[in-house]
Amino acid sequence: NNYPDSLKPKLLERKKNCVQELQKCCKLNLLESISDLQICD
């Protein structure tokens, strides 16, 4: 929904942390592709 570019780094960091937490408990969505994880960085 067109989140402001200036605020995206913080949001993408949260996304990355979220994916890592899901990986820890084996709940990561298999549809979350490698390219998507690269976007987080």
PDB file of all heavy atoms in Angstrom:
ATOM      1  N   ASN A   1       0.815  -1.219   0.000  1.00  0.00           N
ATOM      2  CA  ASN A   1       0.000   0.000   0.000  1.00  0.00           C
ATOM      3  C   ASN A   1       0.852   1.275   0.000  1.00  0.00           C
ATOM      4  O   ASN A   1       0.521   2.258   0.660  1.00  0.00           O
ATOM      5  CB  ASN A   1      -0.937  -0.004   1.209  1.00  0.00           C
ATOM      6  CG  ASN A   1      -2.144  -0.891   0.996  1.00  0.00           C
ATOM      7  OD1 ASN A   1      -3.132  -0.489   0.393  1.00  0.00           O
ATOM      8  ND2 ASN A   1      -2.064  -2.124   1.479  1.00  0.00           N
ATOM      9  N   ASN A   2       1.962   1.228  -0.750  1.00  0.00           N
ATOM     10  CA  ASN A   2       2.772   2.431  -0.971  1.00  0.00           C
ATOM     11  C   ASN A   2       3.308   3.030   0.325  1.00  0.00           C
ATOM     12  O   ASN A   2       3.162   4.226   0.589  1.00  0.00           O
ATOM     13  CB  ASN A   2       1.969   3.487  -1.738  1.00  0.00           C
ATOM     14  CG  ASN A   2       1.469   2.965  -3.071  1.00  0.00           C
ATOM     15  OD1 ASN A   2       2.236   2.366  -3.822  1.00  0.00           O
ATOM     16  ND2 ASN A   2       0.191   3.157  -3.355  1.00  0.00           N
ATOM     17  N   TYR A   3       3.934   2.188   1.117  1.00  0.00           N
ATOM     18  CA  TYR A   3       4.565   2.659   2.347  1.00  0.00           C
ATOM     19  C   TYR A   3       5.694   3.633   1.990  1.00  0.00           C
ATOM     20  O   TYR A   3       6.450   3.398   1.030  1.00  0.00           O
ATOM     21  CB  TYR A   3       5.115   1.461   3.119  1.00  0.00           C
ATOM     22  CG  TYR A   3       5.541   1.764   4.533  1.00  0.00           C
ATOM     23  CD1 TYR A   3       4.605   2.118   5.499  1.00  0.00           C
ATOM     24  CD2 TYR A   3       6.884   1.679   4.894  1.00  0.00           C
ATOM     25  CE1 TYR A   3       4.998   2.376   6.799  1.00  0.00           C
ATOM     26  CE2 TYR A   3       7.288   1.936   6.202  1.00  0.00           C
ATOM     27  CZ  TYR A   3       6.340   2.290   7.144  1.00  0.00           C
ATOM     28  OH  TYR A   3       6.730   2.547   8.432  1.00  0.00           O
ATOM     29  N   PRO A   4       5.831   4.748   2.735  1.00  0.00           N
ATOM     30  CA  PRO A   4       6.838   5.776   2.388  1.00  0.00           C
ATOM     31  C   PRO A   4       8.247   5.203   2.293  1.00  0.00           C
ATOM     32  O   PRO A   4       8.682   4.447   3.166  1.00  0.00           O
ATOM     33  CB  PRO A   4       6.717   6.777   3.549  1.00  0.00           C
ATOM     34  CG  PRO A   4       5.327   6.599   4.065  1.00  0.00           C
ATOM     35  CD  PRO A   4       5.022   5.143   3.893  1.00  0.00           C
ATOM     36  N   ASP A   5       8.984   5.586   1.244  1.00  0.00           N
ATOM     37  CA  ASP A   5      10.340   5.072   1.026  1.00  0.00           C
ATOM     38  C   ASP A   5      11.255   5.382   2.199  1.00  0.00           C
ATOM     39  O   ASP A   5      12.115   4.570   2.560  1.00  0.00           O
ATOM     40  CB  ASP A   5      10.922   5.679  -0.259  1.00  0.00           C
ATOM     41  CG  ASP A   5      10.297   5.083  -1.508  1.00  0.00           C
ATOM     42  OD1 ASP A   5       9.775   3.948  -1.422  1.00  0.00           O
ATOM     43  OD2 ASP A   5      10.315   5.743  -2.563  1.00  0.00           O
ATOM     44  N   SER A   6      11.078   6.546   2.786  1.00  0.00           N
ATOM     45  CA  SER A   6      11.969   6.953   3.873  1.00  0.00           C
ATOM     46  C   SER A   6      11.850   6.069   5.108  1.00  0.00           C
ATOM     47  O   SER A   6      12.769   6.001   5.929  1.00  0.00           O
ATOM     48  CB  SER A   6      11.676   8.410   4.263  1.00  0.00           C
ATOM     49  OG  SER A   6      10.326   8.534   4.712  1.00  0.00           O
ATOM     50  N   LEU A   7      10.710   5.383   5.241  1.00  0.00           N
ATOM     51  CA  LEU A   7      10.486   4.541   6.418  1.00  0.00           C
ATOM     52  C   LEU A   7      10.700   3.057   6.136  1.00  0.00           C
ATOM     53  O   LEU A   7      10.628   2.235   7.055  1.00  0.00           O
ATOM     54  CB  LEU A   7       9.052   4.758   6.940  1.00  0.00           C
ATOM     55  CG  LEU A   7       8.687   6.181   7.371  1.00  0.00           C
ATOM     56  CD1 LEU A   7       7.213   6.234   7.780  1.00  0.00           C
ATOM     57  CD2 LEU A   7       9.572   6.652   8.506  1.00  0.00           C
ATOM     58  N   LYS A   8      10.966   2.721   4.883  1.00  0.00           N
ATOM     59  CA  LYS A   8      11.053   1.307   4.517  1.00  0.00           C
ATOM     60  C   LYS A   8      12.200   0.542   5.170  1.00  0.00           C
ATOM     61  O   LYS A   8      12.038  -0.634   5.510  1.00  0.00           O
ATOM     62  CB  LYS A   8      11.129   1.167   2.993  1.00  0.00           C
ATOM     63  CG  LYS A   8       9.778   1.313   2.310  1.00  0.00           C
ATOM     64  CD  LYS A   8       9.896   1.165   0.812  1.00  0.00           C
ATOM     65  CE  LYS A   8       8.521   1.347   0.165  1.00  0.00           C
ATOM     66  NZ  LYS A   8       8.607   1.313  -1.319  1.00  0.00           N
ATOM     67  N   PRO A   9      13.382   1.138   5.346  1.00  0.00           N
ATOM     68  CA  PRO A   9      14.473   0.363   5.955  1.00  0.00           C
ATOM     69  C   PRO A   9      14.103  -0.257   7.293  1.00  0.00           C
ATOM     70  O   PRO A   9      14.394  -1.433   7.544  1.00  0.00           O
ATOM     71  CB  PRO A   9      15.593   1.398   6.100  1.00  0.00           C
ATOM     72  CG  PRO A   9      15.341   2.358   4.980  1.00  0.00           C
ATOM     73  CD  PRO A   9      13.849   2.471   4.891  1.00  0.00           C
ATOM     74  N   LYS A  10      13.438   0.508   8.144  1.00  0.00           N
ATOM     75  CA  LYS A  10      13.046  -0.012   9.459  1.00  0.00           C
ATOM     76  C   LYS A  10      12.013  -1.128   9.318  1.00  0.00           C
ATOM     77  O   LYS A  10      12.059  -2.136  10.035  1.00  0.00           O
ATOM     78  CB  LYS A  10      12.493   1.124  10.316  1.00  0.00           C
ATOM     79  CG  LYS A  10      12.240   0.736  11.762  1.00  0.00           C
ATOM     80  CD  LYS A  10      11.831   1.949  12.582  1.00  0.00           C
ATOM     81  CE  LYS A  10      11.637   1.575  14.049  1.00  0.00           C
ATOM     82  NZ  LYS A  10      11.244   2.755  14.868  1.00  0.00           N
ATOM     83  N   LEU A  11      11.074  -0.974   8.388  1.00  0.00           N
ATOM     84  CA  LEU A  11      10.041  -1.975   8.191  1.00  0.00           C
ATOM     85  C   LEU A  11      10.644  -3.259   7.628  1.00  0.00           C
ATOM     86  O   LEU A  11      10.278  -4.369   8.025  1.00  0.00           O
ATOM     87  CB  LEU A  11       8.970  -1.436   7.242  1.00  0.00           C
ATOM     88  CG  LEU A  11       7.747  -2.334   7.038  1.00  0.00           C
ATOM     89  CD1 LEU A  11       6.984  -2.516   8.329  1.00  0.00           C
ATOM     90  CD2 LEU A  11       6.827  -1.753   5.974  1.00  0.00           C
ATOM     91  N   LEU A  12      11.614  -3.108   6.694  1.00  0.00           N
ATOM     92  CA  LEU A  12      12.247  -4.282   6.110  1.00  0.00           C
ATOM     93  C   LEU A  12      13.112  -5.015   7.127  1.00  0.00           C
ATOM     94  O   LEU A  12      13.234  -6.252   7.071  1.00  0.00           O
ATOM     95  CB  LEU A  12      13.083  -3.872   4.896  1.00  0.00           C
ATOM     96  CG  LEU A  12      12.261  -3.370   3.692  1.00  0.00           C
ATOM     97  CD1 LEU A  12      13.165  -2.772   2.628  1.00  0.00           C
ATOM     98  CD2 LEU A  12      11.417  -4.485   3.123  1.00  0.00           C
ATOM     99  N   GLU A  13      13.680  -4.262   8.052  1.00  0.00           N
ATOM    100  CA  GLU A  13      14.437  -4.901   9.130  1.00  0.00           C
ATOM    101  C   GLU A  13      13.509  -5.727  10.012  1.00  0.00           C
ATOM    102  O   GLU A  13      13.856  -6.831  10.441  1.00  0.00           O
ATOM    103  CB  GLU A  13      15.136  -3.830   9.963  1.00  0.00           C
ATOM    104  CG  GLU A  13      16.029  -4.372  11.077  1.00  0.00           C
ATOM    105  CD  GLU A  13      17.240  -5.122  10.541  1.00  0.00           C
ATOM    106  OE1 GLU A  13      17.658  -4.856   9.394  1.00  0.00           O
ATOM    107  OE2 GLU A  13      17.752  -5.993  11.275  1.00  0.00           O
ATOM    108  N   ARG A  14      12.329  -5.205  10.261  1.00  0.00           N
ATOM    109  CA  ARG A  14      11.339  -5.957  11.053  1.00  0.00           C
ATOM    110  C   ARG A  14      10.924  -7.217  10.287  1.00  0.00           C
ATOM    111  O   ARG A  14      10.755  -8.283  10.881  1.00  0.00           O
ATOM    112  CB  ARG A  14      10.115  -5.091  11.347  1.00  0.00           C
ATOM    113  CG  ARG A  14       9.078  -5.776  12.264  1.00  0.00           C
ATOM    114  CD  ARG A  14       7.915  -4.837  12.552  1.00  0.00           C
ATOM    115  NE  ARG A  14       8.398  -3.597  13.085  1.00  0.00           N
ATOM    116  CZ  ARG A  14       7.947  -2.378  12.715  1.00  0.00           C
ATOM    117  NH1 ARG A  14       6.992  -2.288  11.801  1.00  0.00           N
ATOM    118  NH2 ARG A  14       8.449  -1.285  13.242  1.00  0.00           N
ATOM    119  N   LYS A  15      10.775  -7.100   8.990  1.00  0.00           N
ATOM    120  CA  LYS A  15      10.419  -8.267   8.188  1.00  0.00           C
ATOM    121  C   LYS A  15      11.503  -9.335   8.284  1.00  0.00           C
ATOM    122  O   LYS A  15      11.200 -10.530   8.455  1.00  0.00           O
ATOM    123  CB  LYS A  15      10.197  -7.853   6.729  1.00  0.00           C
ATOM    124  CG  LYS A  15       9.873  -9.010   5.788  1.00  0.00           C
ATOM    125  CD  LYS A  15       9.652  -8.499   4.379  1.00  0.00           C
ATOM    126  CE  LYS A  15       9.450  -9.651   3.408  1.00  0.00           C
ATOM    127  NZ  LYS A  15       8.202 -10.367   3.626  1.00  0.00           N
ATOM    128  N   LYS A  16      12.729  -8.908   8.184  1.00  0.00           N
ATOM    129  CA  LYS A  16      13.841  -9.850   8.267  1.00  0.00           C
ATOM    130  C   LYS A  16      13.858 -10.549   9.630  1.00  0.00           C
ATOM    131  O   LYS A  16      14.013 -11.781   9.717  1.00  0.00           O
ATOM    132  CB  LYS A  16      15.159  -9.110   8.045  1.00  0.00           C
ATOM    133  CG  LYS A  16      16.393  -9.992   8.148  1.00  0.00           C
ATOM    134  CD  LYS A  16      17.658  -9.167   7.916  1.00  0.00           C
ATOM    135  CE  LYS A  16      18.898 -10.029   8.084  1.00  0.00           C
ATOM    136  NZ  LYS A  16      20.141  -9.239   7.861  1.00  0.00           N
ATOM    137  N   ASN A  17      13.699  -9.773  10.699  1.00  0.00           N
ATOM    138  CA  ASN A  17      13.686 -10.345  12.049  1.00  0.00           C
ATOM    139  C   ASN A  17      12.518 -11.305  12.225  1.00  0.00           C
ATOM    140  O   ASN A  17      12.634 -12.333  12.887  1.00  0.00           O
ATOM    141  CB  ASN A  17      13.609  -9.234  13.092  1.00  0.00           C
ATOM    142  CG  ASN A  17      14.862  -8.382  13.115  1.00  0.00           C
ATOM    143  OD1 ASN A  17      15.939  -8.829  12.710  1.00  0.00           O
ATOM    144  ND2 ASN A  17      14.733  -7.141  13.587  1.00  0.00           N
ATOM    145  N   CYS A  18      11.399 -10.956  11.597  1.00  0.00           N
ATOM    146  CA  CYS A  18      10.207 -11.797  11.698  1.00  0.00           C
ATOM    147  C   CYS A  18      10.460 -13.150  11.026  1.00  0.00           C
ATOM    148  O   CYS A  18      10.125 -14.214  11.569  1.00  0.00           O
ATOM    149  CB  CYS A  18       9.040 -11.083  11.017  1.00  0.00           C
ATOM    150  SG  CYS A  18       7.437 -11.577  11.613  1.00  0.00           S
ATOM    151  N   VAL A  19      11.063 -13.107   9.843  1.00  0.00           N
ATOM    152  CA  VAL A  19      11.368 -14.336   9.125  1.00  0.00           C
ATOM    153  C   VAL A  19      12.333 -15.195   9.930  1.00  0.00           C
ATOM    154  O   VAL A  19      12.179 -16.423  10.023  1.00  0.00           O
ATOM    155  CB  VAL A  19      11.957 -14.015   7.733  1.00  0.00           C
ATOM    156  CG1 VAL A  19      12.525 -15.266   7.075  1.00  0.00           C
ATOM    157  CG2 VAL A  19      10.893 -13.391   6.842  1.00  0.00           C
ATOM    158  N   GLN A  20      13.305 -14.567  10.559  1.00  0.00           N
ATOM    159  CA  GLN A  20      14.271 -15.314  11.370  1.00  0.00           C
ATOM    160  C   GLN A  20      13.588 -15.988  12.558  1.00  0.00           C
ATOM    161  O   GLN A  20      13.908 -17.139  12.902  1.00  0.00           O
ATOM    162  CB  GLN A  20      15.383 -14.378  11.841  1.00  0.00           C
ATOM    163  CG  GLN A  20      16.300 -13.923  10.721  1.00  0.00           C
ATOM    164  CD  GLN A  20      17.308 -12.872  11.179  1.00  0.00           C
ATOM    165  OE1 GLN A  20      17.164 -12.268  12.246  1.00  0.00           O
ATOM    166  NE2 GLN A  20      18.331 -12.655  10.367  1.00  0.00           N
ATOM    167  N   GLU A  21      12.665 -15.286  13.197  1.00  0.00           N
ATOM    168  CA  GLU A  21      11.944 -15.869  14.330  1.00  0.00           C
ATOM    169  C   GLU A  21      11.092 -17.049  13.879  1.00  0.00           C
ATOM    170  O   GLU A  21      10.994 -18.068  14.570  1.00  0.00           O
ATOM    171  CB  GLU A  21      11.074 -14.809  15.011  1.00  0.00           C
ATOM    172  CG  GLU A  21      11.839 -13.711  15.721  1.00  0.00           C
ATOM    173  CD  GLU A  21      12.662 -14.239  16.883  1.00  0.00           C
ATOM    174  OE1 GLU A  21      12.276 -15.277  17.469  1.00  0.00           O
ATOM    175  OE2 GLU A  21      13.694 -13.624  17.196  1.00  0.00           O
ATOM    176  N   LEU A  22      10.493 -16.935  12.706  1.00  0.00           N
ATOM    177  CA  LEU A  22       9.674 -18.029  12.184  1.00  0.00           C
ATOM    178  C   LEU A  22      10.537 -19.226  11.810  1.00  0.00           C
ATOM    179  O   LEU A  22      10.131 -20.376  11.976  1.00  0.00           O
ATOM    180  CB  LEU A  22       8.869 -17.557  10.965  1.00  0.00           C
ATOM    181  CG  LEU A  22       7.705 -16.604  11.276  1.00  0.00           C
ATOM    182  CD1 LEU A  22       7.155 -16.007   9.992  1.00  0.00           C
ATOM    183  CD2 LEU A  22       6.606 -17.317  12.040  1.00  0.00           C
ATOM    184  N   GLN A  23      11.740 -18.951  11.317  1.00  0.00           N
ATOM    185  CA  GLN A  23      12.658 -20.040  10.998  1.00  0.00           C
ATOM    186  C   GLN A  23      13.039 -20.813  12.258  1.00  0.00           C
ATOM    187  O   GLN A  23      13.150 -22.038  12.236  1.00  0.00           O
ATOM    188  CB  GLN A  23      13.916 -19.492  10.326  1.00  0.00           C
ATOM    189  CG  GLN A  23      13.717 -19.102   8.868  1.00  0.00           C
ATOM    190  CD  GLN A  23      14.973 -18.498   8.281  1.00  0.00           C
ATOM    191  OE1 GLN A  23      15.645 -17.687   8.912  1.00  0.00           O
ATOM    192  NE2 GLN A  23      15.296 -18.883   7.060  1.00  0.00           N
ATOM    193  N   LYS A  24      13.200 -20.099  13.353  1.00  0.00           N
ATOM    194  CA  LYS A  24      13.597 -20.738  14.604  1.00  0.00           C
ATOM    195  C   LYS A  24      12.561 -21.755  15.063  1.00  0.00           C
ATOM    196  O   LYS A  24      12.900 -22.811  15.596  1.00  0.00           O
ATOM    197  CB  LYS A  24      13.795 -19.683  15.700  1.00  0.00           C
ATOM    198  CG  LYS A  24      15.006 -18.798  15.518  1.00  0.00           C
ATOM    199  CD  LYS A  24      15.077 -17.757  16.638  1.00  0.00           C
ATOM    200  CE  LYS A  24      16.225 -16.778  16.415  1.00  0.00           C
ATOM    201  NZ  LYS A  24      16.253 -15.740  17.476  1.00  0.00           N
ATOM    202  N   CYS A  25      11.300 -21.403  14.887  1.00  0.00           N
ATOM    203  CA  CYS A  25      10.244 -22.303  15.353  1.00  0.00           C
ATOM    204  C   CYS A  25       9.633 -23.117  14.213  1.00  0.00           C
ATOM    205  O   CYS A  25       8.527 -23.654  14.349  1.00  0.00           O
ATOM    206  CB  CYS A  25       9.165 -21.529  16.109  1.00  0.00           C
ATOM    207  SG  CYS A  25       8.446 -20.171  15.184  1.00  0.00           S
ATOM    208  N   CYS A  26      10.339 -23.153  13.072  1.00  0.00           N
ATOM    209  CA  CYS A  26       9.935 -23.998  11.932  1.00  0.00           C
ATOM    210  C   CYS A  26       8.546 -23.661  11.415  1.00  0.00           C
ATOM    211  O   CYS A  26       7.794 -24.538  11.003  1.00  0.00           O
ATOM    212  CB  CYS A  26       9.986 -25.479  12.308  1.00  0.00           C
ATOM    213  SG  CYS A  26      11.622 -26.022  12.840  1.00  0.00           S
ATOM    214  N   LYS A  27       8.164 -22.388  11.461  1.00  0.00           N
ATOM    215  CA  LYS A  27       6.852 -21.987  10.955  1.00  0.00           C
ATOM    216  C   LYS A  27       6.968 -21.122   9.707  1.00  0.00           C
ATOM    217  O   LYS A  27       6.008 -20.517   9.272  1.00  0.00           O
ATOM    218  CB  LYS A  27       6.073 -21.211  12.022  1.00  0.00           C
ATOM    219  CG  LYS A  27       5.673 -22.057  13.211  1.00  0.00           C
ATOM    220  CD  LYS A  27       4.879 -21.225  14.198  1.00  0.00           C
ATOM    221  CE  LYS A  27       4.461 -22.061  15.408  1.00  0.00           C
ATOM    222  NZ  LYS A  27       3.731 -21.250  16.400  1.00  0.00           N
ATOM    223  N   LEU A  28       8.168 -21.037   9.148  1.00  0.00           N
ATOM    224  CA  LEU A  28       8.350 -20.175   7.991  1.00  0.00           C
ATOM    225  C   LEU A  28       7.518 -20.653   6.813  1.00  0.00           C
ATOM    226  O   LEU A  28       7.543 -21.819   6.451  1.00  0.00           O
ATOM    227  CB  LEU A  28       9.830 -20.146   7.592  1.00  0.00           C
ATOM    228  CG  LEU A  28      10.169 -19.334   6.338  1.00  0.00           C
ATOM    229  CD1 LEU A  28       9.805 -17.875   6.544  1.00  0.00           C
ATOM    230  CD2 LEU A  28      11.648 -19.458   6.009  1.00  0.00           C
ATOM    231  N   ASN A  29       6.802 -19.727   6.230  1.00  0.00           N
ATOM    232  CA  ASN A  29       6.016 -20.028   5.035  1.00  0.00           C
ATOM    233  C   ASN A  29       6.940 -20.461   3.902  1.00  0.00           C
ATOM    234  O   ASN A  29       7.886 -19.766   3.554  1.00  0.00           O
ATOM    235  CB  ASN A  29       5.249 -18.753   4.635  1.00  0.00           C
ATOM    236  CG  ASN A  29       4.372 -18.977   3.429  1.00  0.00           C
ATOM    237  OD1 ASN A  29       4.385 -20.051   2.843  1.00  0.00           O
ATOM    238  ND2 ASN A  29       3.607 -17.964   3.073  1.00  0.00           N
ATOM    239  N   LEU A  30       6.685 -21.625   3.332  1.00  0.00           N
ATOM    240  CA  LEU A  30       7.527 -22.137   2.256  1.00  0.00           C
ATOM    241  C   LEU A  30       7.454 -21.250   1.015  1.00  0.00           C
ATOM    242  O   LEU A  30       8.339 -21.285   0.168  1.00  0.00           O
ATOM    243  CB  LEU A  30       7.111 -23.565   1.907  1.00  0.00           C
ATOM    244  CG  LEU A  30       7.321 -24.588   3.026  1.00  0.00           C
ATOM    245  CD1 LEU A  30       6.813 -25.945   2.583  1.00  0.00           C
ATOM    246  CD2 LEU A  30       8.772 -24.667   3.446  1.00  0.00           C
ATOM    247  N   LEU A  31       6.395 -20.445   0.935  1.00  0.00           N
ATOM    248  CA  LEU A  31       6.276 -19.550  -0.204  1.00  0.00           C
ATOM    249  C   LEU A  31       7.168 -18.319  -0.054  1.00  0.00           C
ATOM    250  O   LEU A  31       7.273 -17.510  -0.962  1.00  0.00           O
ATOM    251  CB  LEU A  31       4.815 -19.110  -0.387  1.00  0.00           C
ATOM    252  CG  LEU A  31       3.846 -20.228  -0.758  1.00  0.00           C
ATOM    253  CD1 LEU A  31       2.414 -19.716  -0.718  1.00  0.00           C
ATOM    254  CD2 LEU A  31       4.168 -20.777  -2.126  1.00  0.00           C
ATOM    255  N   GLU A  32       7.765 -18.131   1.118  1.00  0.00           N
ATOM    256  CA  GLU A  32       8.675 -17.009   1.333  1.00  0.00           C
ATOM    257  C   GLU A  32       9.988 -17.346   0.637  1.00  0.00           C
ATOM    258  O   GLU A  32      10.833 -18.064   1.146  1.00  0.00           O
ATOM    259  CB  GLU A  32       8.878 -16.814   2.836  1.00  0.00           C
ATOM    260  CG  GLU A  32       9.524 -15.503   3.201  1.00  0.00           C
ATOM    261  CD  GLU A  32       8.534 -14.344   3.127  1.00  0.00           C
ATOM    262  OE1 GLU A  32       7.325 -14.594   3.109  1.00  0.00           O
ATOM    263  OE2 GLU A  32       8.995 -13.213   3.074  1.00  0.00           O
ATOM    264  N   SER A  33      10.161 -16.871  -0.561  1.00  0.00           N
ATOM    265  CA  SER A  33      11.265 -17.310  -1.418  1.00  0.00           C
ATOM    266  C   SER A  33      12.584 -16.686  -1.007  1.00  0.00           C
ATOM    267  O   SER A  33      12.648 -15.722  -0.247  1.00  0.00           O
ATOM    268  CB  SER A  33      10.964 -16.938  -2.868  1.00  0.00           C
ATOM    269  OG  SER A  33      10.909 -15.530  -2.995  1.00  0.00           O
ATOM    270  N   ILE A  34      13.670 -17.253  -1.557  1.00  0.00           N
ATOM    271  CA  ILE A  34      15.008 -16.726  -1.285  1.00  0.00           C
ATOM    272  C   ILE A  34      15.121 -15.289  -1.765  1.00  0.00           C
ATOM    273  O   ILE A  34      15.683 -14.431  -1.089  1.00  0.00           O
ATOM    274  CB  ILE A  34      16.070 -17.610  -1.972  1.00  0.00           C
ATOM    275  CG1 ILE A  34      16.067 -19.001  -1.343  1.00  0.00           C
ATOM    276  CG2 ILE A  34      17.456 -16.980  -1.867  1.00  0.00           C
ATOM    277  CD1 ILE A  34      17.003 -19.986  -2.018  1.00  0.00           C
ATOM    278  N   SER A  35      14.535 -15.011  -2.924  1.00  0.00           N
ATOM    279  CA  SER A  35      14.607 -13.635  -3.435  1.00  0.00           C
ATOM    280  C   SER A  35      13.890 -12.668  -2.517  1.00  0.00           C
ATOM    281  O   SER A  35      14.307 -11.518  -2.363  1.00  0.00           O
ATOM    282  CB  SER A  35      13.985 -13.570  -4.836  1.00  0.00           C
ATOM    283  OG  SER A  35      12.621 -13.953  -4.789  1.00  0.00           O
ATOM    284  N   ASP A  36      12.812 -13.142  -1.888  1.00  0.00           N
ATOM    285  CA  ASP A  36      12.072 -12.299  -0.950  1.00  0.00           C
ATOM    286  C   ASP A  36      12.931 -11.987   0.270  1.00  0.00           C
ATOM    287  O   ASP A  36      12.953 -10.864   0.772  1.00  0.00           O
ATOM    288  CB  ASP A  36      10.778 -13.005  -0.530  1.00  0.00           C
ATOM    289  CG  ASP A  36       9.788 -12.051   0.111  1.00  0.00           C
ATOM    290  OD1 ASP A  36      10.073 -10.852   0.098  1.00  0.00           O
ATOM    291  OD2 ASP A  36       8.757 -12.533   0.603  1.00  0.00           O
ATOM    292  N   LEU A  37      13.662 -12.995   0.759  1.00  0.00           N
ATOM    293  CA  LEU A  37      14.543 -12.772   1.898  1.00  0.00           C
ATOM    294  C   LEU A  37      15.658 -11.803   1.528  1.00  0.00           C
ATOM    295  O   LEU A  37      16.097 -11.005   2.353  1.00  0.00           O
ATOM    296  CB  LEU A  37      15.143 -14.103   2.367  1.00  0.00           C
ATOM    297  CG  LEU A  37      14.152 -15.121   2.925  1.00  0.00           C
ATOM    298  CD1 LEU A  37      14.893 -16.383   3.337  1.00  0.00           C
ATOM    299  CD2 LEU A  37      13.387 -14.553   4.100  1.00  0.00           C
ATOM    300  N   GLN A  38      16.118 -11.850   0.285  1.00  0.00           N
ATOM    301  CA  GLN A  38      17.153 -10.923  -0.144  1.00  0.00           C
ATOM    302  C   GLN A  38      16.636  -9.501  -0.146  1.00  0.00           C
ATOM    303  O   GLN A  38      17.368  -8.562   0.161  1.00  0.00           O
ATOM    304  CB  GLN A  38      17.645 -11.309  -1.546  1.00  0.00           C
ATOM    305  CG  GLN A  38      18.464 -12.609  -1.563  1.00  0.00           C
ATOM    306  CD  GLN A  38      18.777 -13.069  -2.963  1.00  0.00           C
ATOM    307  OE1 GLN A  38      18.128 -12.642  -3.926  1.00  0.00           O
ATOM    308  NE2 GLN A  38      19.747 -13.957  -3.096  1.00  0.00           N
ATOM    309  N   ILE A  39      15.356  -9.351  -0.461  1.00  0.00           N
ATOM    310  CA  ILE A  39      14.759  -8.019  -0.430  1.00  0.00           C
ATOM    311  C   ILE A  39      14.846  -7.420   0.961  1.00  0.00           C
ATOM    312  O   ILE A  39      15.041  -6.226   1.129  1.00  0.00           O
ATOM    313  CB  ILE A  39      13.282  -8.072  -0.901  1.00  0.00           C
ATOM    314  CG1 ILE A  39      13.235  -8.327  -2.403  1.00  0.00           C
ATOM    315  CG2 ILE A  39      12.543  -6.795  -0.580  1.00  0.00           C
ATOM    316  CD1 ILE A  39      11.841  -8.514  -2.952  1.00  0.00           C
ATOM    317  N   CYS A  40      14.706  -8.289   1.994  1.00  0.00           N
ATOM    318  CA  CYS A  40      14.747  -7.801   3.363  1.00  0.00           C
ATOM    319  C   CYS A  40      16.074  -7.111   3.674  1.00  0.00           C
ATOM    320  O   CYS A  40      16.133  -6.212   4.498  1.00  0.00           O
ATOM    321  CB  CYS A  40      14.551  -8.956   4.345  1.00  0.00           C
ATOM    322  SG  CYS A  40      12.942  -9.714   4.216  1.00  0.00           S
ATOM    323  N   ASP A  41      17.165  -7.574   3.020  1.00  0.00           N
ATOM    324  CA  ASP A  41      18.484  -7.013   3.289  1.00  0.00           C
ATOM    325  C   ASP A  41      18.797  -5.810   2.407  1.00  0.00           C
ATOM    326  O   ASP A  41      19.789  -5.116   2.616  1.00  0.00           O
ATOM    327  CB  ASP A  41      19.561  -8.088   3.079  1.00  0.00           C
ATOM    328  CG  ASP A  41      19.470  -9.170   4.121  1.00  0.00           C
ATOM    329  OD1 ASP A  41      19.152  -8.844   5.280  1.00  0.00           O
ATOM    330  OD2 ASP A  41      19.717 -10.329   3.763  1.00  0.00           O
TER     331      ASP A  41
END
